[in-house]
């Protein structure tokens, strides 16, 4: 192969590589976020006329799509049980939407488990799944009593949506009581 032809092949290959790089860079996709959903401890508070101490958490969604809340609980170090979250009507997080949109955050108040004088550590844990079209149809169909299956045609597989492999568990750092 002569030198002139090699030069043209190298230039054409470089030009194609440049076009590919620009098209990937300009199509609006960004690299995936390492930990798109985070729970950050903000501090403690006490509601008026109540001796219970509550931890305030900020739950943030940096994922490119919305996420659906699948459950939450409190874990105490050394206890294998999942404990229910203690809530207070006057503190944030009592009422919430089950879907947290992309770029949104919310504040949750979670009661400190057990006796505050006890030693031990605890953390707040939440379970999420991606809120895509199938998930939205699943929610809509359950809310309005619509079929998930028409004859042999399966519109949405609820078992697949609720499968643990399609859910992400996020927790706060360990806190002392």
Protein backbone atom coordinates (compact mmCIF):
# COMPACT_ATOMS: atom_id res chain seq x y z
CA UNK A 1 0.00 0.00 0.00
CA UNK A 2 1.48 3.35 -0.92
CA UNK A 3 2.12 6.12 1.59
CA UNK A 4 -0.51 8.45 0.07
CA UNK A 5 -3.28 5.89 0.53
CA UNK A 6 -2.20 5.15 4.15
CA UNK A 7 -2.33 8.87 4.96
CA UNK A 8 -5.91 9.12 3.61
CA UNK A 9 -6.99 6.07 5.61
CA UNK A 10 -5.50 7.50 8.82
CA UNK A 11 -7.16 10.88 8.20
CA UNK A 12 -10.53 9.28 7.39
CA UNK A 13 -10.32 7.07 10.51
CA UNK A 14 -9.42 10.07 12.67
CA UNK A 15 -12.30 12.07 11.22
CA UNK A 16 -14.77 9.24 11.92
CA UNK A 17 -13.46 8.88 15.47
CA UNK A 18 -13.90 12.63 16.00
CA UNK A 19 -17.48 12.51 14.67
CA UNK A 20 -18.30 9.56 16.90
CA UNK A 21 -16.86 11.32 19.96
CA UNK A 22 -18.82 14.50 19.21
CA UNK A 23 -22.07 12.63 18.61
CA UNK A 24 -21.74 10.72 21.88
CA UNK A 25 -20.80 13.89 23.75
CA UNK A 26 -23.63 15.98 22.33
CA UNK A 27 -26.50 13.52 22.58
CA UNK A 28 -27.29 14.59 26.15
CA UNK A 29 -26.22 11.43 27.91
CA UNK A 30 -24.05 11.90 30.91
CA UNK A 31 -21.94 9.30 32.63
CA UNK A 32 -23.87 7.27 35.20
CA UNK A 33 -23.90 8.63 38.74
CA UNK A 34 -22.01 6.32 41.12
CA UNK A 35 -24.52 6.54 44.00
CA UNK A 36 -27.60 8.24 42.57
CA UNK A 37 -29.73 7.95 45.72
CA UNK A 38 -28.24 9.12 49.00
CA UNK A 39 -29.42 9.46 52.58
CA UNK A 40 -27.54 12.16 54.50
CA UNK A 41 -27.81 12.74 58.24
CA UNK A 42 -28.67 16.41 58.98
CA UNK A 43 -28.93 16.46 62.77
CA UNK A 44 -31.35 15.81 65.62
CA UNK A 45 -34.55 17.55 66.68
CA UNK A 46 -37.19 17.22 69.38
CA UNK A 47 -40.84 18.02 68.66
CA UNK A 48 -42.55 20.39 71.13
CA UNK A 49 -43.88 18.75 74.32
CA UNK A 50 -42.37 15.40 73.39
CA UNK A 51 -39.30 13.72 74.86
CA UNK A 52 -38.58 11.62 71.76
CA UNK A 53 -35.46 12.50 69.81
CA UNK A 54 -35.72 12.44 66.01
CA UNK A 55 -32.93 12.29 63.45
CA UNK A 56 -33.37 14.40 60.33
CA UNK A 57 -32.26 12.86 57.02
CA UNK A 58 -32.09 14.33 53.53
CA UNK A 59 -32.97 11.80 50.81
CA UNK A 60 -31.66 12.92 47.40
CA UNK A 61 -32.19 11.47 43.93
CA UNK A 62 -29.40 12.28 41.44
CA UNK A 63 -30.51 9.48 39.08
CA UNK A 64 -31.60 10.48 35.56
CA UNK A 65 -35.12 9.12 36.24
CA UNK A 66 -37.57 9.04 39.10
CA UNK A 67 -37.41 6.41 41.82
CA UNK A 68 -40.29 4.69 43.63
CA UNK A 69 -40.20 4.17 47.34
CA UNK A 70 -40.64 0.46 48.18
CA UNK A 71 -40.23 0.57 51.96
CA UNK A 72 -38.10 1.78 54.83
CA UNK A 73 -37.00 0.62 58.25
CA UNK A 74 -34.53 1.16 61.06
CA UNK A 75 -31.71 -1.28 61.80
CA UNK A 76 -30.10 -1.50 65.21
CA UNK A 77 -26.60 -2.95 65.45
CA UNK A 78 -26.75 -6.47 66.88
CA UNK A 79 -30.48 -6.86 66.15
CA UNK A 80 -31.42 -8.83 63.02
CA UNK A 81 -34.98 -7.44 62.96
CA UNK A 82 -36.10 -4.54 60.78
CA UNK A 83 -37.82 -2.00 63.04
CA UNK A 84 -40.62 0.29 61.94
CA UNK A 85 -39.76 3.95 61.51
CA UNK A 86 -41.09 6.13 64.34
CA UNK A 87 -42.88 9.20 62.95
CA UNK A 88 -44.41 12.37 64.33
CA UNK A 89 -47.24 14.28 62.60
CA UNK A 90 -45.56 17.63 63.21
CA UNK A 91 -42.17 16.70 61.71
CA UNK A 92 -41.11 16.33 58.06
CA UNK A 93 -41.49 12.97 56.40
CA UNK A 94 -44.83 11.99 57.91
CA UNK A 95 -46.57 12.51 54.55
CA UNK A 96 -44.58 11.94 51.36
CA UNK A 97 -45.00 11.06 47.70
CA UNK A 98 -44.07 7.49 46.78
CA UNK A 99 -42.08 8.74 43.77
CA UNK A 100 -39.03 10.98 44.11
CA UNK A 101 -38.30 12.65 40.76
CA UNK A 102 -34.90 13.11 39.19
CA UNK A 103 -32.99 15.85 40.97
CA UNK A 104 -35.48 16.03 43.85
CA UNK A 105 -34.87 15.60 47.56
CA UNK A 106 -36.94 15.38 50.71
CA UNK A 107 -36.41 15.61 54.45
CA UNK A 108 -37.36 12.71 56.73
CA UNK A 109 -37.62 12.73 60.53
CA UNK A 110 -36.95 9.29 62.02
CA UNK A 111 -37.35 8.57 65.71
CA UNK A 112 -34.29 7.27 67.52
CA UNK A 113 -34.99 3.60 68.28
CA UNK A 114 -35.21 2.27 71.82
CA UNK A 115 -34.03 3.98 74.94
CA UNK A 116 -31.62 6.87 74.12
CA UNK A 117 -29.56 5.94 77.19
CA UNK A 118 -28.75 2.50 75.72
CA UNK A 119 -25.48 2.08 73.95
CA UNK A 120 -25.48 0.92 70.36
CA UNK A 121 -25.62 2.16 66.83
CA UNK A 122 -28.49 2.38 64.36
CA UNK A 123 -29.15 3.42 60.77
CA UNK A 124 -32.08 4.33 58.54
CA UNK A 125 -32.61 2.16 55.43
CA UNK A 126 -34.82 2.76 52.37
CA UNK A 127 -35.68 0.50 49.43
CA UNK A 128 -36.21 1.97 45.94
CA UNK A 129 -36.88 0.85 42.38
CA UNK A 130 -36.57 2.79 39.12
CA UNK A 131 -39.88 4.44 38.20
CA UNK A 132 -40.03 3.64 34.48
CA UNK A 133 -43.00 3.15 32.13
CA UNK A 134 -43.71 -0.40 33.30
CA UNK A 135 -43.65 0.69 36.92
CA UNK A 136 -46.00 3.62 36.20
CA UNK A 137 -48.42 1.33 34.32
CA UNK A 138 -48.27 -1.19 37.17
CA UNK A 139 -49.16 1.54 39.71
CA UNK A 140 -51.89 2.95 37.45
CA UNK A 141 -53.45 -0.43 36.74
CA UNK A 142 -53.53 -1.41 40.43
CA UNK A 143 -54.98 1.95 41.43
CA UNK A 144 -57.75 1.74 38.79
CA UNK A 145 -58.28 -2.04 38.89
CA UNK A 146 -57.10 -2.55 35.28
CA UNK A 147 -55.83 -5.91 34.00
CA UNK A 148 -52.14 -6.69 33.98
CA UNK A 149 -52.78 -9.45 31.44
CA UNK A 150 -55.12 -9.76 28.46
CA UNK A 151 -55.41 -13.40 27.45
CA UNK A 152 -51.90 -14.70 26.81
CA UNK A 153 -50.53 -11.13 26.48
CA UNK A 154 -48.80 -10.01 29.67
CA UNK A 155 -48.87 -6.20 29.82
CA UNK A 156 -46.83 -5.86 33.00
CA UNK A 157 -45.21 -8.60 35.06
CA UNK A 158 -45.80 -7.52 38.66
CA UNK A 159 -43.56 -10.30 39.99
CA UNK A 160 -40.68 -8.97 37.91
CA UNK A 161 -41.24 -5.38 39.07
CA UNK A 162 -41.42 -6.41 42.72
CA UNK A 163 -38.45 -8.78 42.43
CA UNK A 164 -35.68 -7.88 44.88
CA UNK A 165 -33.11 -7.85 42.06
CA UNK A 166 -34.87 -4.76 40.60
CA UNK A 167 -34.65 -2.81 43.85
CA UNK A 168 -31.87 -0.80 45.44
CA UNK A 169 -31.27 -0.53 49.17
CA UNK A 170 -29.84 2.75 50.45
CA UNK A 171 -28.90 3.46 54.06
CA UNK A 172 -27.59 6.27 56.20
CA UNK A 173 -24.33 6.03 58.05
CA UNK A 174 -24.37 4.33 61.44
CA UNK A 175 -25.50 6.72 64.20
CA UNK A 176 -25.04 6.43 67.95
CA UNK A 177 -28.13 6.42 70.14
